[in-house]
Amino acid sequence: MKARLAAAAVAATAVMALAPAQASAAPVPQPQAATAENLAAAGRTAAAPDTLATLSRFFAREGKVSLAAARPRIEGESVPVHYLSPEFVAGKAGASVARLEFLASKAVSSDGQQAALWTAKTEAGWQVVNIATGDDEFRYARLGAAKLPGGTVFREPQIDAWYVAGGDRVLPLDEDAGTAVGAQGTSLAAYRTRVVKAYGDKLPGSAYGKAGKAGGFAPTEATAATEATEATAATETTAASATSGPDSAGLPMAAGALALALGAAGAVAARRARRQRVVRA
């Protein structure tokens, strides 16, 4: 279970490289646009032979399927994945509630396992920067489109909540989001008030961040110590994964990765992100 606490540690620790020769490339610190051209490029990167080979190892972990029998395939088209925007939390004029973090492609193994390939454009070109178990990115994209056509689906990673925003409304797509804003959702202004209260003093550059705590917030003092321990375990697990196998190397983090959530191993983000898992050799 600890091995699945990798999402919050990804930005602080390298994970298995799909292309070792490109491992030293620094990430481009800006989110790429979800144009048709970029979505197609992300799809090609996800379907590349080296990526599929890594996916075979990923799906064969823990003996769920043999390496030879995994036969991973890419299904459907890539989708844009948005996270809560630090600029929105900071109250920057004109800032959208969410910003593009990466493009995701769905991978499926022969035994039905699913995973999301997080793809970003780095200085070395398009690369898969993480692999996460499950289909959250695609499932919530469908739910959001059905609930609010034309809206922006986004994740608030600190509490692992998914929403869809459009016009002046923010609507919940999962239980965590419903707990945060109510079953019927809330106004955009009310949502901003909530996230400013929760994260406004924890943005990059804040005293909280300079103290090495940026990345999450503890909902209660009683749980802080436990969550911090889990975050540390996540970081150590990810580090171990990064050095396992003959072809392992560091991956650049996704362009424009949300510093508010992933600037370090955030305790709450790590605790709530158990579906995430880095690639093992």
C-alpha atoms as a PDB file:
ATOM      1  CA  MET A   1       0.000   0.000   0.000  1.00  0.00           C
ATOM      2  CA  LYS A   2       2.819   2.414   0.802  1.00  0.00           C
ATOM      3  CA  ALA A   3       4.100   1.994  -2.760  1.00  0.00           C
ATOM      4  CA  ARG A   4       0.922   3.596  -4.015  1.00  0.00           C
ATOM      5  CA  LEU A   5       1.544   6.849  -2.178  1.00  0.00           C
ATOM      6  CA  ALA A   6       3.754   8.176  -4.963  1.00  0.00           C
ATOM      7  CA  ALA A   7       1.777  11.069  -6.441  1.00  0.00           C
ATOM      8  CA  ALA A   8       2.811  13.672  -3.898  1.00  0.00           C
ATOM      9  CA  ALA A   9       6.437  12.558  -4.019  1.00  0.00           C
ATOM     10  CA  VAL A  10       6.806  12.603  -7.791  1.00  0.00           C
ATOM     11  CA  ALA A  11       7.987  16.217  -7.944  1.00  0.00           C
ATOM     12  CA  ALA A  12      10.521  15.708  -5.168  1.00  0.00           C
ATOM     13  CA  THR A  13      11.914  12.359  -6.282  1.00  0.00           C
ATOM     14  CA  ALA A  14      12.820  10.870  -9.662  1.00  0.00           C
ATOM     15  CA  VAL A  15      10.868   7.899 -11.030  1.00  0.00           C
ATOM     16  CA  MET A  16      11.691   5.245 -13.601  1.00  0.00           C
ATOM     17  CA  ALA A  17      12.632   6.674 -16.991  1.00  0.00           C
ATOM     18  CA  LEU A  18      11.029   5.478 -20.191  1.00  0.00           C
ATOM     19  CA  ALA A  19      13.875   7.067 -22.161  1.00  0.00           C
ATOM     20  CA  PRO A  20      17.112   7.039 -20.115  1.00  0.00           C
ATOM     21  CA  ALA A  21      18.969   9.210 -22.626  1.00  0.00           C
ATOM     22  CA  GLN A  22      16.507  12.011 -21.973  1.00  0.00           C
ATOM     23  CA  ALA A  23      16.566  11.742 -18.186  1.00  0.00           C
ATOM     24  CA  SER A  24      18.683  14.815 -17.619  1.00  0.00           C
ATOM     25  CA  ALA A  25      16.338  17.111 -19.495  1.00  0.00           C
ATOM     26  CA  ALA A  26      14.807  19.800 -17.330  1.00  0.00           C
ATOM     27  CA  PRO A  27      11.039  20.205 -17.426  1.00  0.00           C
ATOM     28  CA  VAL A  28       9.586  23.140 -19.292  1.00  0.00           C
ATOM     29  CA  PRO A  29       7.892  25.192 -16.540  1.00  0.00           C
ATOM     30  CA  GLN A  30       4.658  25.870 -18.348  1.00  0.00           C
ATOM     31  CA  PRO A  31       1.540  23.836 -19.121  1.00  0.00           C
ATOM     32  CA  GLN A  32       1.116  22.954 -22.772  1.00  0.00           C
ATOM     33  CA  ALA A  33      -2.138  23.748 -24.534  1.00  0.00           C
ATOM     34  CA  ALA A  34      -4.540  20.896 -25.208  1.00  0.00           C
ATOM     35  CA  THR A  35      -4.533  21.451 -28.952  1.00  0.00           C
ATOM     36  CA  ALA A  36      -5.396  18.661 -31.374  1.00  0.00           C
ATOM     37  CA  GLU A  37      -1.716  18.561 -32.361  1.00  0.00           C
ATOM     38  CA  ASN A  38      -0.528  18.180 -28.778  1.00  0.00           C
ATOM     39  CA  LEU A  39      -3.161  15.584 -27.927  1.00  0.00           C
ATOM     40  CA  ALA A  40      -2.059  13.572 -30.951  1.00  0.00           C
ATOM     41  CA  ALA A  41       1.607  13.903 -29.923  1.00  0.00           C
ATOM     42  CA  ALA A  42       0.775  12.697 -26.418  1.00  0.00           C
ATOM     43  CA  GLY A  43      -1.041   9.716 -27.906  1.00  0.00           C
ATOM     44  CA  ARG A  44       1.924   8.799 -30.089  1.00  0.00           C
ATOM     45  CA  THR A  45       4.265   9.031 -27.105  1.00  0.00           C
ATOM     46  CA  ALA A  46       1.986   6.787 -25.058  1.00  0.00           C
ATOM     47  CA  ALA A  47       1.856   4.187 -27.843  1.00  0.00           C
ATOM     48  CA  ALA A  48       5.610   4.151 -28.519  1.00  0.00           C
ATOM     49  CA  PRO A  49       7.336   0.740 -28.232  1.00  0.00           C
ATOM     50  CA  ASP A  50       9.470   1.817 -25.256  1.00  0.00           C
ATOM     51  CA  THR A  51       6.366   3.005 -23.422  1.00  0.00           C
ATOM     52  CA  LEU A  52       4.517  -0.230 -24.087  1.00  0.00           C
ATOM     53  CA  ALA A  53       7.507  -2.213 -22.818  1.00  0.00           C
ATOM     54  CA  THR A  54       7.468  -0.219 -19.599  1.00  0.00           C
ATOM     55  CA  LEU A  55       3.717  -0.715 -19.319  1.00  0.00           C
ATOM     56  CA  SER A  56       4.227  -4.471 -19.532  1.00  0.00           C
ATOM     57  CA  ARG A  57       6.478  -4.281 -16.480  1.00  0.00           C
ATOM     58  CA  PHE A  58       4.006  -1.986 -14.741  1.00  0.00           C
ATOM     59  CA  PHE A  59       1.042  -4.302 -15.291  1.00  0.00           C
ATOM     60  CA  ALA A  60       3.106  -7.390 -14.392  1.00  0.00           C
ATOM     61  CA  ARG A  61       3.935  -6.016 -10.923  1.00  0.00           C
ATOM     62  CA  GLU A  62       3.008  -8.229  -8.000  1.00  0.00           C
ATOM     63  CA  GLY A  63       2.373 -11.135 -10.353  1.00  0.00           C
ATOM     64  CA  LYS A  64      -1.030  -9.915 -11.501  1.00  0.00           C
ATOM     65  CA  VAL A  65      -0.174 -10.912 -15.059  1.00  0.00           C
ATOM     66  CA  SER A  66       3.020 -12.256 -16.600  1.00  0.00           C
ATOM     67  CA  LEU A  67       5.357  -9.872 -18.373  1.00  0.00           C
ATOM     68  CA  ALA A  68       4.867 -11.685 -21.672  1.00  0.00           C
ATOM     69  CA  ALA A  69       1.107 -11.863 -21.317  1.00  0.00           C
ATOM     70  CA  ALA A  70       0.482  -8.230 -20.313  1.00  0.00           C
ATOM     71  CA  ARG A  71       0.206  -7.019 -23.934  1.00  0.00           C
ATOM     72  CA  PRO A  72      -0.713  -3.425 -23.060  1.00  0.00           C
ATOM     73  CA  ARG A  73      -2.601  -1.251 -25.514  1.00  0.00           C
ATOM     74  CA  ILE A  74      -3.616   2.402 -25.638  1.00  0.00           C
ATOM     75  CA  GLU A  75      -7.359   2.994 -25.793  1.00  0.00           C
ATOM     76  CA  GLY A  76      -9.109   6.113 -27.014  1.00  0.00           C
ATOM     77  CA  GLU A  77      -7.637   9.570 -27.346  1.00  0.00           C
ATOM     78  CA  SER A  78      -5.564  11.534 -24.862  1.00  0.00           C
ATOM     79  CA  VAL A  79      -7.412  13.905 -22.553  1.00  0.00           C
ATOM     80  CA  PRO A  80      -6.319  17.156 -20.875  1.00  0.00           C
ATOM     81  CA  VAL A  81      -6.034  16.999 -17.079  1.00  0.00           C
ATOM     82  CA  HIS A  82      -6.499  20.178 -15.045  1.00  0.00           C
ATOM     83  CA  TYR A  83      -5.656  20.849 -11.400  1.00  0.00           C
ATOM     84  CA  LEU A  84      -6.701  23.643  -9.069  1.00  0.00           C
ATOM     85  CA  SER A  85      -4.730  26.718 -10.099  1.00  0.00           C
ATOM     86  CA  PRO A  86      -2.364  28.399  -7.594  1.00  0.00           C
ATOM     87  CA  GLU A  87      -3.057  31.672  -9.401  1.00  0.00           C
ATOM     88  CA  PHE A  88      -6.757  31.272  -8.644  1.00  0.00           C
ATOM     89  CA  VAL A  89      -5.980  30.567  -4.988  1.00  0.00           C
ATOM     90  CA  ALA A  90      -3.693  33.594  -4.897  1.00  0.00           C
ATOM     91  CA  GLY A  91      -6.487  35.789  -6.252  1.00  0.00           C
ATOM     92  CA  LYS A  92      -4.669  36.776  -9.441  1.00  0.00           C
ATOM     93  CA  ALA A  93      -6.918  38.864 -11.669  1.00  0.00           C
ATOM     94  CA  GLY A  94      -8.420  36.840 -14.496  1.00  0.00           C
ATOM     95  CA  ALA A  95      -7.040  33.522 -13.231  1.00  0.00           C
ATOM     96  CA  SER A  96      -9.057  30.446 -14.125  1.00  0.00           C
ATOM     97  CA  VAL A  97     -10.094  28.048 -11.399  1.00  0.00           C
ATOM     98  CA  ALA A  98      -7.934  25.318 -12.939  1.00  0.00           C
ATOM     99  CA  ARG A  99      -4.911  25.027 -15.165  1.00  0.00           C
ATOM    100  CA  LEU A 100      -3.677  22.332 -17.486  1.00  0.00           C
ATOM    101  CA  GLU A 101      -1.116  20.062 -15.830  1.00  0.00           C
ATOM    102  CA  PHE A 102      -0.577  17.218 -18.314  1.00  0.00           C
ATOM    103  CA  LEU A 103      -2.238  15.128 -20.998  1.00  0.00           C
ATOM    104  CA  ALA A 104      -3.343  11.610 -20.110  1.00  0.00           C
ATOM    105  CA  SER A 105      -3.647   8.473 -22.227  1.00  0.00           C
ATOM    106  CA  LYS A 106      -5.443   5.331 -21.111  1.00  0.00           C
ATOM    107  CA  ALA A 107      -3.518   2.053 -21.087  1.00  0.00           C
ATOM    108  CA  VAL A 108      -5.200  -1.336 -20.682  1.00  0.00           C
ATOM    109  CA  SER A 109      -3.561  -4.726 -20.149  1.00  0.00           C
ATOM    110  CA  SER A 110      -4.742  -8.068 -21.431  1.00  0.00           C
ATOM    111  CA  ASP A 111      -6.275  -8.901 -18.038  1.00  0.00           C
ATOM    112  CA  GLY A 112      -8.225  -5.647 -17.847  1.00  0.00           C
ATOM    113  CA  GLN A 113      -5.939  -3.570 -15.610  1.00  0.00           C
ATOM    114  CA  GLN A 114      -6.060   0.130 -16.433  1.00  0.00           C
ATOM    115  CA  ALA A 115      -3.560   2.928 -16.025  1.00  0.00           C
ATOM    116  CA  ALA A 116      -3.167   6.577 -16.949  1.00  0.00           C
ATOM    117  CA  LEU A 117      -0.019   7.716 -18.712  1.00  0.00           C
ATOM    118  CA  TRP A 118       0.759  11.310 -17.724  1.00  0.00           C
ATOM    119  CA  THR A 119       2.440  12.961 -20.700  1.00  0.00           C
ATOM    120  CA  ALA A 120       4.086  16.376 -20.926  1.00  0.00           C
ATOM    121  CA  LYS A 121       6.310  18.285 -23.296  1.00  0.00           C
ATOM    122  CA  THR A 122       9.778  18.764 -21.842  1.00  0.00           C
ATOM    123  CA  GLU A 123      12.940  20.267 -23.310  1.00  0.00           C
ATOM    124  CA  ALA A 124      13.680  16.785 -24.626  1.00  0.00           C
ATOM    125  CA  GLY A 125      10.298  16.546 -26.335  1.00  0.00           C
ATOM    126  CA  TRP A 126       7.125  14.697 -25.406  1.00  0.00           C
ATOM    127  CA  GLN A 127       7.630  12.225 -22.574  1.00  0.00           C
ATOM    128  CA  VAL A 128       5.596  10.053 -20.229  1.00  0.00           C
ATOM    129  CA  VAL A 129       6.391  11.514 -16.812  1.00  0.00           C
ATOM    130  CA  ASN A 130       4.322   9.197 -14.624  1.00  0.00           C
ATOM    131  CA  ILE A 131       2.045   6.173 -14.726  1.00  0.00           C
ATOM    132  CA  ALA A 132      -0.905   5.957 -12.351  1.00  0.00           C
ATOM    133  CA  THR A 133      -3.176   3.005 -11.730  1.00  0.00           C
ATOM    134  CA  GLY A 134      -6.867   3.272 -12.515  1.00  0.00           C
ATOM    135  CA  ASP A 135      -8.892   5.448 -14.857  1.00  0.00           C
ATOM    136  CA  ASP A 136      -9.756   8.531 -12.769  1.00  0.00           C
ATOM    137  CA  GLU A 137      -8.656  11.023 -15.417  1.00  0.00           C
ATOM    138  CA  PHE A 138     -10.932   9.510 -18.042  1.00  0.00           C
ATOM    139  CA  ARG A 139     -13.873   8.598 -15.828  1.00  0.00           C
ATOM    140  CA  TYR A 140     -14.191  12.076 -14.370  1.00  0.00           C
ATOM    141  CA  ALA A 141     -13.765  13.650 -17.801  1.00  0.00           C
ATOM    142  CA  ARG A 142     -16.837  11.689 -18.928  1.00  0.00           C
ATOM    143  CA  LEU A 143     -18.803  12.490 -15.776  1.00  0.00           C
ATOM    144  CA  GLY A 144     -17.977  16.169 -16.040  1.00  0.00           C
ATOM    145  CA  ALA A 145     -18.982  16.391 -19.686  1.00  0.00           C
ATOM    146  CA  ALA A 146     -22.308  14.763 -18.869  1.00  0.00           C
ATOM    147  CA  LYS A 147     -22.968  16.894 -15.777  1.00  0.00           C
ATOM    148  CA  LEU A 148     -21.910  20.255 -17.205  1.00  0.00           C
ATOM    149  CA  PRO A 149     -21.303  20.184 -20.970  1.00  0.00           C
ATOM    150  CA  GLY A 150     -18.520  22.546 -21.929  1.00  0.00           C
ATOM    151  CA  GLY A 151     -17.252  22.824 -18.353  1.00  0.00           C
ATOM    152  CA  THR A 152     -13.692  22.309 -17.151  1.00  0.00           C
ATOM    153  CA  VAL A 153     -13.060  19.144 -15.183  1.00  0.00           C
ATOM    154  CA  PHE A 154     -10.353  19.573 -12.573  1.00  0.00           C
ATOM    155  CA  ARG A 155      -8.841  17.963  -9.509  1.00  0.00           C
ATOM    156  CA  GLU A 156      -8.110  19.533  -6.139  1.00  0.00           C
ATOM    157  CA  PRO A 157      -5.179  17.244  -5.331  1.00  0.00           C
ATOM    158  CA  GLN A 158      -4.812  18.176  -1.670  1.00  0.00           C
ATOM    159  CA  ILE A 159      -8.053  16.320  -0.888  1.00  0.00           C
ATOM    160  CA  ASP A 160      -8.212  14.175  -4.048  1.00  0.00           C
ATOM    161  CA  ALA A 161     -11.487  15.811  -5.092  1.00  0.00           C
ATOM    162  CA  TRP A 162     -12.788  16.110  -8.654  1.00  0.00           C
ATOM    163  CA  TYR A 163     -15.057  18.899  -9.892  1.00  0.00           C
ATOM    164  CA  VAL A 164     -16.449  20.413 -13.053  1.00  0.00           C
ATOM    165  CA  ALA A 165     -16.598  24.209 -13.320  1.00  0.00           C
ATOM    166  CA  GLY A 166     -18.526  26.324 -15.775  1.00  0.00           C
ATOM    167  CA  GLY A 167     -19.915  29.826 -15.665  1.00  0.00           C
ATOM    168  CA  ASP A 168     -20.372  30.726 -12.004  1.00  0.00           C
ATOM    169  CA  ARG A 169     -20.754  27.164 -10.712  1.00  0.00           C
ATOM    170  CA  VAL A 170     -18.431  24.490  -9.339  1.00  0.00           C
ATOM    171  CA  LEU A 171     -20.083  21.074  -9.185  1.00  0.00           C
ATOM    172  CA  PRO A 172     -18.775  17.948  -7.414  1.00  0.00           C
ATOM    173  CA  LEU A 173     -17.943  14.784  -9.318  1.00  0.00           C
ATOM    174  CA  ASP A 174     -16.974  12.531  -6.413  1.00  0.00           C
ATOM    175  CA  GLU A 175     -17.604  12.053  -2.705  1.00  0.00           C
ATOM    176  CA  ASP A 176     -14.632  14.155  -1.603  1.00  0.00           C
ATOM    177  CA  ALA A 177     -15.769  17.082  -3.722  1.00  0.00           C
ATOM    178  CA  GLY A 178     -19.328  16.692  -2.434  1.00  0.00           C
ATOM    179  CA  THR A 179     -18.060  16.881   1.118  1.00  0.00           C
ATOM    180  CA  ALA A 180     -16.150  20.048   0.267  1.00  0.00           C
ATOM    181  CA  VAL A 181     -18.808  22.008  -1.633  1.00  0.00           C
ATOM    182  CA  GLY A 182     -22.062  20.139  -1.056  1.00  0.00           C
ATOM    183  CA  ALA A 183     -23.994  17.784  -3.286  1.00  0.00           C
ATOM    184  CA  GLN A 184     -25.413  20.661  -5.346  1.00  0.00           C
ATOM    185  CA  GLY A 185     -22.078  22.419  -5.700  1.00  0.00           C
ATOM    186  CA  THR A 186     -21.336  26.055  -4.998  1.00  0.00           C
ATOM    187  CA  SER A 187     -20.645  29.356  -6.693  1.00  0.00           C
ATOM    188  CA  LEU A 188     -17.210  30.093  -8.104  1.00  0.00           C
ATOM    189  CA  ALA A 189     -16.824  32.943  -5.611  1.00  0.00           C
ATOM    190  CA  ALA A 190     -17.678  30.687  -2.671  1.00  0.00           C
ATOM    191  CA  TYR A 191     -15.273  28.040  -3.922  1.00  0.00           C
ATOM    192  CA  ARG A 192     -12.495  30.636  -4.147  1.00  0.00           C
ATOM    193  CA  THR A 193     -13.229  31.684  -0.564  1.00  0.00           C
ATOM    194  CA  ARG A 194     -12.898  28.064   0.559  1.00  0.00           C
ATOM    195  CA  VAL A 195      -9.603  27.358  -1.213  1.00  0.00           C
ATOM    196  CA  VAL A 196      -8.089  30.689  -0.182  1.00  0.00           C
ATOM    197  CA  LYS A 197      -8.879  29.834   3.433  1.00  0.00           C
ATOM    198  CA  ALA A 198      -7.437  26.338   3.024  1.00  0.00           C
ATOM    199  CA  TYR A 199      -4.347  27.075   0.934  1.00  0.00           C
ATOM    200  CA  GLY A 200      -3.858  30.828   0.689  1.00  0.00           C
ATOM    201  CA  ASP A 201      -1.012  30.844   3.206  1.00  0.00           C
ATOM    202  CA  LYS A 202       0.575  27.698   1.768  1.00  0.00           C
ATOM    203  CA  LEU A 203       1.397  28.837  -1.754  1.00  0.00           C
ATOM    204  CA  PRO A 204       4.951  28.631  -3.162  1.00  0.00           C
ATOM    205  CA  GLY A 205       7.074  31.357  -1.607  1.00  0.00           C
ATOM    206  CA  SER A 206       5.016  31.500   1.570  1.00  0.00           C
ATOM    207  CA  ALA A 207       6.472  30.987   5.041  1.00  0.00           C
ATOM    208  CA  TYR A 208       4.771  27.585   4.990  1.00  0.00           C
ATOM    209  CA  GLY A 209       6.589  26.702   1.802  1.00  0.00           C
ATOM    210  CA  LYS A 210       9.920  28.102   2.953  1.00  0.00           C
ATOM    211  CA  ALA A 211       9.637  25.932   6.048  1.00  0.00           C
ATOM    212  CA  GLY A 212       9.646  22.902   3.755  1.00  0.00           C
ATOM    213  CA  LYS A 213       5.972  22.106   4.244  1.00  0.00           C
ATOM    214  CA  ALA A 214       4.552  23.195   0.879  1.00  0.00           C
ATOM    215  CA  GLY A 215       2.512  20.489  -0.732  1.00  0.00           C
ATOM    216  CA  GLY A 216      -0.525  20.013   1.472  1.00  0.00           C
ATOM    217  CA  PHE A 217      -2.256  21.006   4.633  1.00  0.00           C
ATOM    218  CA  ALA A 218      -3.313  19.029   7.646  1.00  0.00           C
ATOM    219  CA  PRO A 219      -7.067  19.223   8.328  1.00  0.00           C
ATOM    220  CA  THR A 220      -6.459  18.682  12.042  1.00  0.00           C
ATOM    221  CA  GLU A 221      -3.411  18.869  14.237  1.00  0.00           C
ATOM    222  CA  ALA A 222      -4.128  15.369  15.530  1.00  0.00           C
ATOM    223  CA  THR A 223      -3.534  13.785  12.114  1.00  0.00           C
ATOM    224  CA  ALA A 224      -0.558  15.858  11.044  1.00  0.00           C
ATOM    225  CA  ALA A 225       2.137  13.599  12.486  1.00  0.00           C
ATOM    226  CA  THR A 226       0.653  10.434  10.987  1.00  0.00           C
ATOM    227  CA  GLU A 227       0.214  12.023   7.569  1.00  0.00           C
ATOM    228  CA  ALA A 228       3.748  13.379   7.586  1.00  0.00           C
ATOM    229  CA  THR A 229       5.047   9.883   8.298  1.00  0.00           C
ATOM    230  CA  GLU A 230       3.062   8.511   5.347  1.00  0.00           C
ATOM    231  CA  ALA A 231       4.410  11.240   3.083  1.00  0.00           C
ATOM    232  CA  THR A 232       7.968  10.361   4.098  1.00  0.00           C
ATOM    233  CA  ALA A 233       7.298   6.714   3.327  1.00  0.00           C
ATOM    234  CA  ALA A 234       5.947   7.737  -0.072  1.00  0.00           C
ATOM    235  CA  THR A 235       9.115   9.652  -0.862  1.00  0.00           C
ATOM    236  CA  GLU A 236      11.334   6.762   0.217  1.00  0.00           C
ATOM    237  CA  THR A 237       9.298   4.283  -1.822  1.00  0.00           C
ATOM    238  CA  THR A 238       9.490   6.457  -4.914  1.00  0.00           C
ATOM    239  CA  ALA A 239      13.223   6.857  -4.488  1.00  0.00           C
ATOM    240  CA  ALA A 240      13.617   3.092  -4.292  1.00  0.00           C
ATOM    241  CA  SER A 241      11.571   2.680  -7.464  1.00  0.00           C
ATOM    242  CA  ALA A 242      13.724   5.233  -9.261  1.00  0.00           C
ATOM    243  CA  THR A 243      16.897   3.219  -8.729  1.00  0.00           C
ATOM    244  CA  SER A 244      15.551  -0.257  -9.411  1.00  0.00           C
ATOM    245  CA  GLY A 245      16.411  -2.068 -12.605  1.00  0.00           C
ATOM    246  CA  PRO A 246      19.155  -1.722 -15.209  1.00  0.00           C
ATOM    247  CA  ASP A 247      17.364   0.870 -17.323  1.00  0.00           C
ATOM    248  CA  SER A 248      16.126   3.157 -14.583  1.00  0.00           C
ATOM    249  CA  ALA A 249      16.787   6.902 -14.559  1.00  0.00           C
ATOM    250  CA  GLY A 250      15.120  10.125 -13.497  1.00  0.00           C
ATOM    251  CA  LEU A 251      12.028  11.428 -15.251  1.00  0.00           C
ATOM    252  CA  PRO A 252      11.366  15.135 -15.573  1.00  0.00           C
ATOM    253  CA  MET A 253       8.237  16.265 -13.796  1.00  0.00           C
ATOM    254  CA  ALA A 254       5.222  17.242 -15.856  1.00  0.00           C
ATOM    255  CA  ALA A 255       5.450  20.734 -17.295  1.00  0.00           C
ATOM    256  CA  GLY A 256       3.646  23.224 -15.101  1.00  0.00           C
ATOM    257  CA  ALA A 257       3.129  20.710 -12.305  1.00  0.00           C
ATOM    258  CA  LEU A 258       1.055  22.192  -9.510  1.00  0.00           C
ATOM    259  CA  ALA A 259       3.555  23.504  -6.994  1.00  0.00           C
ATOM    260  CA  LEU A 260       0.757  24.054  -4.532  1.00  0.00           C
ATOM    261  CA  ALA A 261       0.195  20.304  -4.307  1.00  0.00           C
ATOM    262  CA  LEU A 262       3.342  18.657  -5.611  1.00  0.00           C
ATOM    263  CA  GLY A 263       6.141  21.056  -4.687  1.00  0.00           C
ATOM    264  CA  ALA A 264       7.123  18.542  -2.001  1.00  0.00           C
ATOM    265  CA  ALA A 265       5.724  15.351  -0.507  1.00  0.00           C
ATOM    266  CA  GLY A 266       2.514  16.867   0.833  1.00  0.00           C
ATOM    267  CA  ALA A 267       1.071  14.861   3.696  1.00  0.00           C
ATOM    268  CA  VAL A 268      -2.586  15.030   2.780  1.00  0.00           C
ATOM    269  CA  ALA A 269      -1.959  14.724  -0.948  1.00  0.00           C
ATOM    270  CA  ALA A 270       0.110  11.600  -0.331  1.00  0.00           C
ATOM    271  CA  ARG A 271      -2.461  10.100   1.997  1.00  0.00           C
ATOM    272  CA  ARG A 272      -5.310  10.621  -0.436  1.00  0.00           C
ATOM    273  CA  ALA A 273      -3.500   9.504  -3.606  1.00  0.00           C
ATOM    274  CA  ARG A 274      -3.180   5.777  -3.040  1.00  0.00           C
ATOM    275  CA  ARG A 275      -4.179   4.983  -6.622  1.00  0.00           C
ATOM    276  CA  GLN A 276      -0.913   6.460  -7.867  1.00  0.00           C
ATOM    277  CA  ARG A 277       2.070   4.242  -8.496  1.00  0.00           C
ATOM    278  CA  VAL A 278       5.371   4.852 -10.205  1.00  0.00           C
ATOM    279  CA  VAL A 279       6.897   2.518 -12.760  1.00  0.00           C
ATOM    280  CA  ARG A 280       9.125  -0.297 -11.585  1.00  0.00           C
ATOM    281  CA  ALA A 281      11.697  -2.048 -13.725  1.00  0.00           C
END
